[in-house]
Amino acid sequence: VSIASFQLMFQGGFVGKTCQVLAWIDSNEFVDMMRFYPEDINPLQTFPVAEAEKQITSRVKIVFESSTDFFGRITVYKLDILGQDA
């Protein structure tokens, strides 16, 4: 799949501040695809993948490196990965 964008909806106050997306590639390993920085809000947020960062992948891993919550909790209500068959 060629990923075009990610859409996430968080609970305000429990948002991942710094997020890294890793893509699975042919060499059988995850590689850095992109980073994004959500706002601490409830509405759906969209994070487009820049043309230079697009990869053909069958798996992705989203790493939440930090949180807006003091205890590190993150609440994701919705996650959509939008793209096209490669």
N, C-alpha and C. Protein backbone atom coordinates (compact mmCIF):
# COMPACT_ATOMS: atom_id res chain seq x y z
N VAL A 1 0.85 -1.18 0.00
CA VAL A 1 0.00 0.00 0.00
C VAL A 1 0.89 1.24 0.00
N SER A 2 0.48 2.23 -0.74
CA SER A 2 1.14 3.53 -0.72
C SER A 2 0.28 4.45 0.15
N ILE A 3 0.79 4.81 1.30
CA ILE A 3 0.01 5.57 2.28
C ILE A 3 0.04 7.06 1.92
N ALA A 4 -1.15 7.66 1.90
CA ALA A 4 -1.27 9.09 1.58
C ALA A 4 -1.38 9.95 2.83
N SER A 5 -2.09 9.43 3.86
CA SER A 5 -2.25 10.22 5.09
C SER A 5 -2.71 9.34 6.24
N PHE A 6 -2.55 9.87 7.42
CA PHE A 6 -3.04 9.25 8.66
C PHE A 6 -4.06 10.20 9.27
N GLN A 7 -5.13 9.64 9.80
CA GLN A 7 -6.12 10.44 10.52
C GLN A 7 -6.27 9.85 11.92
N LEU A 8 -6.15 10.70 12.93
CA LEU A 8 -6.29 10.25 14.31
C LEU A 8 -7.22 11.17 15.07
N MET A 9 -7.98 10.57 15.97
CA MET A 9 -8.81 11.32 16.91
C MET A 9 -8.42 10.87 18.31
N PHE A 10 -7.99 11.82 19.11
CA PHE A 10 -7.57 11.56 20.48
C PHE A 10 -8.60 12.11 21.46
N GLN A 11 -8.49 11.69 22.70
CA GLN A 11 -9.20 12.39 23.78
C GLN A 11 -8.30 13.53 24.21
N GLY A 12 -8.84 14.74 24.25
CA GLY A 12 -8.06 15.89 24.70
C GLY A 12 -7.46 15.64 26.07
N GLY A 13 -6.20 16.00 26.23
CA GLY A 13 -5.50 15.76 27.48
C GLY A 13 -4.73 14.45 27.50
N PHE A 14 -5.02 13.58 26.54
CA PHE A 14 -4.36 12.27 26.46
C PHE A 14 -3.86 12.04 25.03
N VAL A 15 -3.09 13.00 24.54
CA VAL A 15 -2.66 13.02 23.14
C VAL A 15 -1.18 12.68 23.04
N GLY A 16 -0.82 11.93 22.00
CA GLY A 16 0.59 11.71 21.72
C GLY A 16 1.18 12.98 21.12
N LYS A 17 2.14 13.60 21.80
CA LYS A 17 2.69 14.87 21.33
C LYS A 17 3.65 14.68 20.16
N THR A 18 4.50 13.69 20.25
CA THR A 18 5.48 13.40 19.22
C THR A 18 5.25 11.97 18.74
N CYS A 19 4.98 11.82 17.44
CA CYS A 19 4.65 10.50 16.90
C CYS A 19 5.58 10.17 15.74
N GLN A 20 6.03 8.94 15.71
CA GLN A 20 6.90 8.45 14.64
C GLN A 20 6.18 7.31 13.92
N VAL A 21 6.24 7.32 12.60
CA VAL A 21 5.66 6.23 11.80
C VAL A 21 6.82 5.45 11.19
N LEU A 22 6.79 4.14 11.40
CA LEU A 22 7.78 3.25 10.82
C LEU A 22 7.09 2.38 9.78
N ALA A 23 7.73 2.17 8.64
CA ALA A 23 7.16 1.37 7.55
C ALA A 23 7.99 0.11 7.35
N TRP A 24 7.30 -1.00 7.11
CA TRP A 24 7.94 -2.28 6.82
C TRP A 24 8.32 -2.29 5.34
N ILE A 25 9.59 -2.55 5.05
CA ILE A 25 10.03 -2.55 3.65
C ILE A 25 10.57 -3.92 3.27
N ASP A 26 10.95 -4.07 2.02
CA ASP A 26 11.38 -5.37 1.48
C ASP A 26 12.53 -6.00 2.23
N SER A 27 13.37 -5.21 2.84
CA SER A 27 14.53 -5.78 3.53
C SER A 27 14.16 -6.38 4.89
N ASN A 28 12.85 -6.54 5.11
CA ASN A 28 12.34 -7.18 6.32
C ASN A 28 12.71 -6.44 7.60
N GLU A 29 12.56 -5.13 7.55
CA GLU A 29 12.80 -4.32 8.73
C GLU A 29 11.91 -3.08 8.67
N PHE A 30 11.70 -2.47 9.82
CA PHE A 30 10.97 -1.21 9.88
C PHE A 30 11.96 -0.07 9.68
N VAL A 31 11.58 0.90 8.85
CA VAL A 31 12.40 2.09 8.63
C VAL A 31 11.56 3.33 8.92
N ASP A 32 12.23 4.40 9.30
CA ASP A 32 11.56 5.66 9.61
C ASP A 32 10.87 6.19 8.36
N MET A 33 9.57 6.45 8.48
CA MET A 33 8.79 6.98 7.36
C MET A 33 8.51 8.46 7.54
N MET A 34 8.04 8.84 8.73
CA MET A 34 7.71 10.24 8.98
C MET A 34 7.49 10.46 10.47
N ARG A 35 7.44 11.72 10.84
CA ARG A 35 7.05 12.13 12.19
C ARG A 35 5.91 13.12 12.06
N PHE A 36 5.03 13.14 13.07
CA PHE A 36 3.98 14.15 13.09
C PHE A 36 3.71 14.54 14.53
N TYR A 37 3.09 15.71 14.69
CA TYR A 37 2.94 16.34 16.00
C TYR A 37 1.50 16.78 16.20
N PRO A 38 0.65 15.91 16.76
CA PRO A 38 -0.76 16.26 16.96
C PRO A 38 -0.95 17.39 17.96
N GLU A 39 -2.07 18.09 17.81
CA GLU A 39 -2.48 19.09 18.78
C GLU A 39 -3.25 18.41 19.90
N ASP A 40 -3.29 19.04 21.05
CA ASP A 40 -4.02 18.49 22.21
C ASP A 40 -5.48 18.91 22.10
N ILE A 41 -6.19 18.30 21.14
CA ILE A 41 -7.60 18.60 20.88
C ILE A 41 -8.35 17.31 20.58
N ASN A 42 -9.69 17.37 20.66
CA ASN A 42 -10.52 16.20 20.39
C ASN A 42 -10.82 15.94 18.92
N PRO A 43 -11.01 16.95 18.06
CA PRO A 43 -11.43 16.68 16.68
C PRO A 43 -10.43 15.83 15.89
N LEU A 44 -10.93 15.21 14.82
CA LEU A 44 -10.11 14.40 13.93
C LEU A 44 -9.00 15.26 13.33
N GLN A 45 -7.77 14.75 13.36
CA GLN A 45 -6.62 15.45 12.80
C GLN A 45 -6.05 14.62 11.66
N THR A 46 -5.65 15.29 10.58
CA THR A 46 -5.11 14.61 9.41
C THR A 46 -3.64 14.98 9.24
N PHE A 47 -2.82 13.96 8.97
CA PHE A 47 -1.38 14.15 8.78
C PHE A 47 -0.99 13.56 7.43
N PRO A 48 -0.83 14.40 6.41
CA PRO A 48 -0.47 13.89 5.08
C PRO A 48 0.98 13.42 5.05
N VAL A 49 1.23 12.43 4.21
CA VAL A 49 2.58 11.92 4.00
C VAL A 49 3.17 12.67 2.81
N ALA A 50 4.30 13.33 3.02
CA ALA A 50 4.96 14.07 1.94
C ALA A 50 5.42 13.09 0.86
N GLU A 51 5.44 13.55 -0.38
CA GLU A 51 5.86 12.69 -1.50
C GLU A 51 7.22 12.05 -1.25
N ALA A 52 8.15 12.81 -0.70
CA ALA A 52 9.50 12.30 -0.45
C ALA A 52 9.53 11.22 0.62
N GLU A 53 8.50 11.16 1.47
CA GLU A 53 8.46 10.19 2.57
C GLU A 53 7.63 8.95 2.25
N LYS A 54 6.92 8.94 1.12
CA LYS A 54 6.04 7.82 0.80
C LYS A 54 6.84 6.55 0.54
N GLN A 55 6.33 5.45 1.06
CA GLN A 55 6.95 4.14 0.89
C GLN A 55 5.86 3.14 0.55
N ILE A 56 6.22 2.11 -0.20
CA ILE A 56 5.31 0.99 -0.44
C ILE A 56 5.50 0.04 0.74
N THR A 57 4.41 -0.25 1.45
CA THR A 57 4.53 -1.04 2.67
C THR A 57 3.30 -1.91 2.90
N SER A 58 3.49 -2.96 3.66
CA SER A 58 2.36 -3.82 4.05
C SER A 58 2.06 -3.71 5.54
N ARG A 59 2.95 -3.05 6.28
CA ARG A 59 2.77 -2.87 7.73
C ARG A 59 3.30 -1.51 8.14
N VAL A 60 2.68 -0.94 9.14
CA VAL A 60 3.20 0.29 9.75
C VAL A 60 3.17 0.15 11.27
N LYS A 61 4.06 0.86 11.88
CA LYS A 61 4.11 0.92 13.35
C LYS A 61 4.10 2.40 13.72
N ILE A 62 3.19 2.78 14.60
CA ILE A 62 3.13 4.16 15.08
C ILE A 62 3.65 4.17 16.51
N VAL A 63 4.69 4.95 16.73
CA VAL A 63 5.32 5.05 18.05
C VAL A 63 4.98 6.41 18.63
N PHE A 64 4.34 6.40 19.79
CA PHE A 64 4.02 7.63 20.51
C PHE A 64 5.17 7.89 21.48
N GLU A 65 6.03 8.82 21.13
CA GLU A 65 7.25 9.06 21.90
C GLU A 65 7.01 9.86 23.17
N SER A 66 5.95 10.67 23.18
CA SER A 66 5.63 11.45 24.37
C SER A 66 4.14 11.73 24.39
N SER A 67 3.65 12.17 25.54
CA SER A 67 2.21 12.36 25.74
C SER A 67 1.96 13.70 26.43
N THR A 68 0.75 14.23 26.22
CA THR A 68 0.36 15.45 26.93
C THR A 68 -0.05 15.14 28.37
N ASP A 69 -0.27 13.87 28.68
CA ASP A 69 -0.68 13.46 30.02
C ASP A 69 0.55 13.27 30.91
N PHE A 70 0.45 13.70 32.14
CA PHE A 70 1.55 13.60 33.10
C PHE A 70 2.03 12.16 33.28
N PHE A 71 1.12 11.19 33.21
CA PHE A 71 1.46 9.78 33.42
C PHE A 71 1.78 9.05 32.12
N GLY A 72 1.75 9.75 30.98
CA GLY A 72 2.09 9.15 29.70
C GLY A 72 0.95 8.41 29.01
N ARG A 73 -0.27 8.57 29.51
CA ARG A 73 -1.40 7.88 28.90
C ARG A 73 -1.80 8.55 27.59
N ILE A 74 -2.24 7.72 26.63
CA ILE A 74 -2.71 8.20 25.34
C ILE A 74 -4.00 7.47 25.02
N THR A 75 -5.05 8.21 24.62
CA THR A 75 -6.33 7.60 24.26
C THR A 75 -6.63 7.94 22.81
N VAL A 76 -6.64 6.90 21.96
CA VAL A 76 -6.96 7.06 20.54
C VAL A 76 -8.37 6.54 20.31
N TYR A 77 -9.27 7.42 19.87
CA TYR A 77 -10.64 7.03 19.56
C TYR A 77 -10.78 6.52 18.13
N LYS A 78 -9.96 7.06 17.23
CA LYS A 78 -10.09 6.68 15.83
C LYS A 78 -8.73 6.78 15.16
N LEU A 79 -8.42 5.78 14.34
CA LEU A 79 -7.19 5.77 13.54
C LEU A 79 -7.54 5.27 12.15
N ASP A 80 -7.33 6.10 11.14
CA ASP A 80 -7.52 5.71 9.75
C ASP A 80 -6.21 5.90 9.01
N ILE A 81 -5.86 4.91 8.20
CA ILE A 81 -4.69 5.00 7.34
C ILE A 81 -5.22 5.00 5.91
N LEU A 82 -5.02 6.11 5.22
CA LEU A 82 -5.57 6.29 3.88
C LEU A 82 -4.48 6.15 2.84
N GLY A 83 -4.76 5.41 1.78
CA GLY A 83 -3.78 5.21 0.72
C GLY A 83 -4.37 4.45 -0.44
N GLN A 84 -3.47 3.94 -1.29
CA GLN A 84 -3.88 3.21 -2.48
C GLN A 84 -3.06 1.93 -2.59
N ASP A 85 -3.65 0.94 -3.28
CA ASP A 85 -2.89 -0.27 -3.58
C ASP A 85 -1.72 0.11 -4.47
N ALA A 86 -0.59 -0.51 -4.19
CA ALA A 86 0.61 -0.19 -4.97
C ALA A 86 0.78 -1.16 -6.13
